[in-house]
Structure formats: C-alpha cells, structure tokens
C-alpha atoms as a PDB file:
ATOM      1  CA  MET A   1     131.067  80.424 157.996  1.00  0.00           C
ATOM      2  CA  ALA A   2     133.829  82.292 156.120  1.00  0.00           C
ATOM      3  CA  VAL A   3     133.509  85.597 154.643  1.00  0.00           C
ATOM      4  CA  ALA A   4     134.126  84.406 151.379  1.00  0.00           C
ATOM      5  CA  GLN A   5     131.577  81.540 151.442  1.00  0.00           C
ATOM      6  CA  LEU A   6     128.850  84.404 152.190  1.00  0.00           C
ATOM      7  CA  LYS A   7     129.830  86.242 149.038  1.00  0.00           C
ATOM      8  CA  LEU A   8     129.776  83.141 146.738  1.00  0.00           C
ATOM      9  CA  LEU A   9     126.209  82.344 147.927  1.00  0.00           C
ATOM     10  CA  ALA A  10     124.999  85.667 147.622  1.00  0.00           C
ATOM     11  CA  HIS A  11     124.903  85.182 144.015  1.00  0.00           C
ATOM     12  CA  VAL A  12     123.325  82.118 144.058  1.00  0.00           C
ATOM     13  CA  SER A  13     119.405  82.087 143.701  1.00  0.00           C
ATOM     14  CA  PRO A  14     117.864  80.629 146.997  1.00  0.00           C
ATOM     15  CA  LEU A  15     115.533  78.746 144.812  1.00  0.00           C
ATOM     16  CA  HIS A  16     118.365  76.872 143.288  1.00  0.00           C
ATOM     17  CA  VAL A  17     119.540  75.921 146.676  1.00  0.00           C
ATOM     18  CA  GLN A  18     118.306  72.793 148.202  1.00  0.00           C
ATOM     19  CA  GLY A  19     116.759  73.451 151.920  1.00  0.00           C
ATOM     20  CA  ALA A  20     115.888  76.849 151.239  1.00  0.00           C
ATOM     21  CA  GLY A  21     112.578  76.666 151.949  1.00  0.00           C
ATOM     22  CA  GLY A  22     111.598  74.194 149.077  1.00  0.00           C
ATOM     23  CA  PRO A  23     112.499  71.639 146.318  1.00  0.00           C
ATOM     24  CA  ALA A  24     115.411  72.491 144.068  1.00  0.00           C
ATOM     25  CA  ILE A  25     114.043  73.451 140.842  1.00  0.00           C
ATOM     26  CA  PRO A  26     115.501  71.474 138.048  1.00  0.00           C
ATOM     27  CA  GLU A  27     117.410  73.476 135.282  1.00  0.00           C
ATOM     28  CA  VAL A  28     115.584  73.999 132.102  1.00  0.00           C
ATOM     29  CA  ASP A  29     116.852  72.980 128.628  1.00  0.00           C
ATOM     30  CA  ASP A  30     117.904  75.685 126.604  1.00  0.00           C
ATOM     31  CA  GLN A  31     115.921  73.749 123.703  1.00  0.00           C
ATOM     32  CA  VAL A  32     112.907  73.965 125.767  1.00  0.00           C
ATOM     33  CA  LEU A  33     113.012  77.802 126.101  1.00  0.00           C
ATOM     34  CA  GLU A  34     114.038  78.730 122.498  1.00  0.00           C
ATOM     35  CA  GLY A  35     111.082  77.119 121.477  1.00  0.00           C
ATOM     36  CA  HIS A  36     109.226  78.660 123.923  1.00  0.00           C
ATOM     37  CA  ARG A  37     110.762  82.356 122.991  1.00  0.00           C
ATOM     38  CA  ARG A  38     109.841  81.162 119.032  1.00  0.00           C
ATOM     39  CA  LYS A  39     106.099  80.410 120.322  1.00  0.00           C
ATOM     40  CA  ILE A  40     105.791  83.467 121.909  1.00  0.00           C
ATOM     41  CA  THR A  41     106.952  85.827 119.175  1.00  0.00           C
ATOM     42  CA  THR A  42     104.986  84.275 116.830  1.00  0.00           C
ATOM     43  CA  HIS A  43     101.739  84.762 118.513  1.00  0.00           C
ATOM     44  CA  ALA A  44      99.923  87.856 117.567  1.00  0.00           C
ATOM     45  CA  ALA A  45      99.660  89.514 120.956  1.00  0.00           C
ATOM     46  CA  HIS A  46     103.385  89.764 121.159  1.00  0.00           C
ATOM     47  CA  ARG A  47     104.507  91.281 117.683  1.00  0.00           C
ATOM     48  CA  ALA A  48     105.011  94.623 117.369  1.00  0.00           C
ATOM     49  CA  PRO A  49     102.286  96.642 115.397  1.00  0.00           C
ATOM     50  CA  ILE A  50     102.913  97.483 111.832  1.00  0.00           C
ATOM     51  CA  LEU A  51     102.312 100.953 111.353  1.00  0.00           C
ATOM     52  CA  GLN A  52     100.902 101.949 107.926  1.00  0.00           C
ATOM     53  CA  ARG A  53     100.031 105.480 107.021  1.00  0.00           C
ATOM     54  CA  MET A  54      96.793 105.684 105.408  1.00  0.00           C
ATOM     55  CA  ARG A  55      96.509 107.071 101.879  1.00  0.00           C
ATOM     56  CA  VAL A  56      94.070 109.802 100.687  1.00  0.00           C
ATOM     57  CA  ASP A  57      94.023 110.730  96.969  1.00  0.00           C
ATOM     58  CA  ILE A  58      92.757 113.670  95.222  1.00  0.00           C
ATOM     59  CA  TYR A  59      91.926 113.902  91.672  1.00  0.00           C
ATOM     60  CA  SER A  60      92.184 117.292  90.050  1.00  0.00           C
ATOM     61  CA  LYS A  61      93.295 119.210  87.029  1.00  0.00           C
ATOM     62  CA  PRO A  62      94.997 122.533  86.841  1.00  0.00           C
ATOM     63  CA  ARG A  63      93.053 125.509  86.938  1.00  0.00           C
ATOM     64  CA  CYS A  64      90.333 124.451  88.863  1.00  0.00           C
ATOM     65  CA  SER A  65      89.386 126.490  91.686  1.00  0.00           C
ATOM     66  CA  LEU A  66      87.295 123.738  93.707  1.00  0.00           C
ATOM     67  CA  CYS A  67      90.789 121.681  93.577  1.00  0.00           C
ATOM     68  CA  VAL A  68      92.201 124.361  95.002  1.00  0.00           C
ATOM     69  CA  LYS A  69      89.877 124.593  97.556  1.00  0.00           C
ATOM     70  CA  ALA A  70      89.651 120.837  98.277  1.00  0.00           C
ATOM     71  CA  LEU A  71      93.281 120.542  98.474  1.00  0.00           C
ATOM     72  CA  ALA A  72      93.626 123.333 101.537  1.00  0.00           C
ATOM     73  CA  VAL A  73      90.866 121.540 103.021  1.00  0.00           C
ATOM     74  CA  VAL A  74      92.690 117.785 103.159  1.00  0.00           C
ATOM     75  CA  GLU A  75      96.181 119.598 103.758  1.00  0.00           C
ATOM     76  CA  GLU A  76      94.387 121.244 106.795  1.00  0.00           C
ATOM     77  CA  VAL A  77      93.328 117.798 108.111  1.00  0.00           C
ATOM     78  CA  GLN A  78      96.587 116.178 107.451  1.00  0.00           C
ATOM     79  CA  GLY A  79      97.932 118.669 110.245  1.00  0.00           C
ATOM     80  CA  ARG A  80      95.869 116.736 112.805  1.00  0.00           C
ATOM     81  CA  LEU A  81      96.187 113.182 111.362  1.00  0.00           C
ATOM     82  CA  PRO A  82      98.825 111.383 109.863  1.00  0.00           C
ATOM     83  CA  PHE A  83      98.067 109.944 106.208  1.00  0.00           C
ATOM     84  CA  GLU A  84      99.902 110.238 103.079  1.00  0.00           C
ATOM     85  CA  LEU A  85      98.029 112.916 100.460  1.00  0.00           C
ATOM     86  CA  TYR A  86      98.414 112.016  96.602  1.00  0.00           C
ATOM     87  CA  VAL A  87      97.528 114.557  93.796  1.00  0.00           C
ATOM     88  CA  THR A  88      96.714 113.338  90.844  1.00  0.00           C
ATOM     89  CA  ASP A  89      95.767 115.566  87.408  1.00  0.00           C
ATOM     90  CA  ILE A  90      93.752 113.592  85.921  1.00  0.00           C
ATOM     91  CA  LEU A  91      94.502 115.195  82.562  1.00  0.00           C
ATOM     92  CA  GLN A  92      97.608 112.679  82.989  1.00  0.00           C
ATOM     93  CA  SER A  93      95.358 109.765  82.424  1.00  0.00           C
ATOM     94  CA  PRO A  94      92.627 108.801  79.709  1.00  0.00           C
ATOM     95  CA  ASP A  95      90.646 106.503  82.016  1.00  0.00           C
ATOM     96  CA  LEU A  96      90.620 108.948  85.254  1.00  0.00           C
ATOM     97  CA  PHE A  97      89.838 111.795  82.824  1.00  0.00           C
ATOM     98  CA  GLU A  98      86.761 109.457  81.163  1.00  0.00           C
ATOM     99  CA  ALA A  99      85.791 108.592  84.993  1.00  0.00           C
ATOM    100  CA  TRP A 100      86.078 111.671  86.822  1.00  0.00           C
ATOM    101  CA  ARG A 101      86.012 114.946  84.154  1.00  0.00           C
ATOM    102  CA  TYR A 102      82.963 116.248  85.279  1.00  0.00           C
ATOM    103  CA  ASP A 103      83.124 115.293  89.236  1.00  0.00           C
ATOM    104  CA  ILE A 104      86.515 116.854  89.790  1.00  0.00           C
ATOM    105  CA  PRO A 105      88.147 117.164  92.750  1.00  0.00           C
ATOM    106  CA  VAL A 106      87.699 113.942  93.805  1.00  0.00           C
ATOM    107  CA  VAL A 107      88.825 112.700  97.403  1.00  0.00           C
ATOM    108  CA  LEU A 108      89.435 109.183  98.046  1.00  0.00           C
ATOM    109  CA  ILE A 109      90.536 107.361 101.559  1.00  0.00           C
ATOM    110  CA  GLU A 110      92.334 104.367 101.004  1.00  0.00           C
ATOM    111  CA  GLY A 111      91.091 103.971  97.213  1.00  0.00           C
ATOM    112  CA  VAL A 112      87.291 104.752  97.913  1.00  0.00           C
ATOM    113  CA  PRO A 113      85.638 108.007  96.851  1.00  0.00           C
ATOM    114  CA  ALA A 114      84.578 109.616  99.961  1.00  0.00           C
ATOM    115  CA  PHE A 115      83.937 113.616  98.524  1.00  0.00           C
ATOM    116  CA  LYS A 116      83.242 115.233  95.696  1.00  0.00           C
ATOM    117  CA  HIS A 117      83.169 118.709  94.075  1.00  0.00           C
ATOM    118  CA  ARG A 118      83.492 119.990  98.066  1.00  0.00           C
ATOM    119  CA  VAL A 119      85.433 118.550 100.943  1.00  0.00           C
ATOM    120  CA  ASP A 120      84.357 119.360 104.271  1.00  0.00           C
ATOM    121  CA  ALA A 121      87.147 119.456 106.938  1.00  0.00           C
ATOM    122  CA  GLU A 122      84.948 118.062 109.710  1.00  0.00           C
ATOM    123  CA  ALA A 123      83.484 115.447 107.719  1.00  0.00           C
ATOM    124  CA  LEU A 124      86.564 114.294 106.067  1.00  0.00           C
ATOM    125  CA  GLU A 125      88.518 114.216 109.359  1.00  0.00           C
ATOM    126  CA  ALA A 126      85.664 111.812 110.578  1.00  0.00           C
ATOM    127  CA  ARG A 127      85.683 109.777 107.975  1.00  0.00           C
ATOM    128  CA  ILE A 128      89.324 109.172 108.260  1.00  0.00           C
ATOM    129  CA  ARG A 129      89.090 108.773 112.066  1.00  0.00           C
ATOM    130  CA  GLU A 130      86.514 105.710 111.007  1.00  0.00           C
ATOM    131  CA  VAL A 131      88.958 103.777 108.736  1.00  0.00           C
ATOM    132  CA  MET A 132      91.674 104.359 111.393  1.00  0.00           C
ATOM    133  CA  ASN A 133      89.753 102.286 113.756  1.00  0.00           C
ATOM    134  CA  GLY A 134      88.534 100.059 110.948  1.00  0.00           C
ATOM    135  CA  ILE A 135      85.184 101.016 110.062  1.00  0.00           C
ATOM    136  CA  PRO A 136      84.884 100.473 106.235  1.00  0.00           C
ATOM    137  CA  ILE A 137      84.353 103.698 104.047  1.00  0.00           C
ATOM    138  CA  ALA A 138      80.529 103.872 103.165  1.00  0.00           C
ATOM    139  CA  LYS A 139      79.593 106.471 100.417  1.00  0.00           C
ATOM    140  CA  THR A 140      77.377 109.163 101.816  1.00  0.00           C
ATOM    141  CA  VAL A 141      74.323 110.078  99.649  1.00  0.00           C
ATOM    142  CA  GLY A 142      75.535 111.913  96.431  1.00  0.00           C
ATOM    143  CA  GLN A 143      78.922 110.461  96.963  1.00  0.00           C
ATOM    144  CA  ASP A 144      78.385 108.189  94.275  1.00  0.00           C
ATOM    145  CA  GLY A 145      81.914 108.130  92.644  1.00  0.00           C
END
C-alpha cells in the first residue's frame, strides 16, 4: 500500500470501514440528530440550573436601636451566605406602619416573617440554609409576624 493511501485511511474511523471487525455503521440523518439534541436539551436534567438569589427583608424605622442591631446581624450572616438584602422604612408605607409599628425590626426570608425585635445570627443562618435546601419556612414560637 502506498504512503498516500495510509495517510488517507488514518483519517477514516475504523467503525465506518467494511471489514474493520464489524458491519459498517449507517450514516445518521441530521434531522434525527437534531431532534435528539432538542429532546435532550429540553430535559430538566440537561438544563443549566437557574440560580436565583434568596431575598431577605428588614422592616425598620429611623432611630430604632433594635433595627440597627438586627441589620448588623443580618449583614454578618450575608458575609457567609449569598442573599439579597432589602431594608424598608415602615414610615414610608401606611400599610406597613399599621402592620408592624410595634414589632420592628422584622426580618422576612422570601417574604415570610422569620424574626421580630431581635435576630440571632446562628438561628438566621440555619433558617436561610433550610430555605436554600428547599425546606419551607415555619414560624417559630413567638415569631407570629
């Protein structure tokens, strides 16, 4: 066999050559492959996960020493766990003021009241981790928000 023929054969997959130890593999239609690709990419296990950051809100008001302390605790936990933090002044909303004026600060995780008056860093971190793992937030005793 000539050298030129050897180089040419080196680029051909042995599976496609009759007599390479088995039958030739038929060519696959591009439409069949495209349909297969579409089916795979629409399957949930093959899609990239959509990462959504958790939301933590603090309802507070100016000149509230408990609010300042709660914010410091929440920011401390935020240094360890990723979440979006929103601080809302209840004086800016008559509805929020009416609902929470005697209970501030209130810390909500994903819209559910989780703490009021005082926030413990370990308890907050544990509750955020529970939500991250898909466990719904249950109000604790005294957190009737």
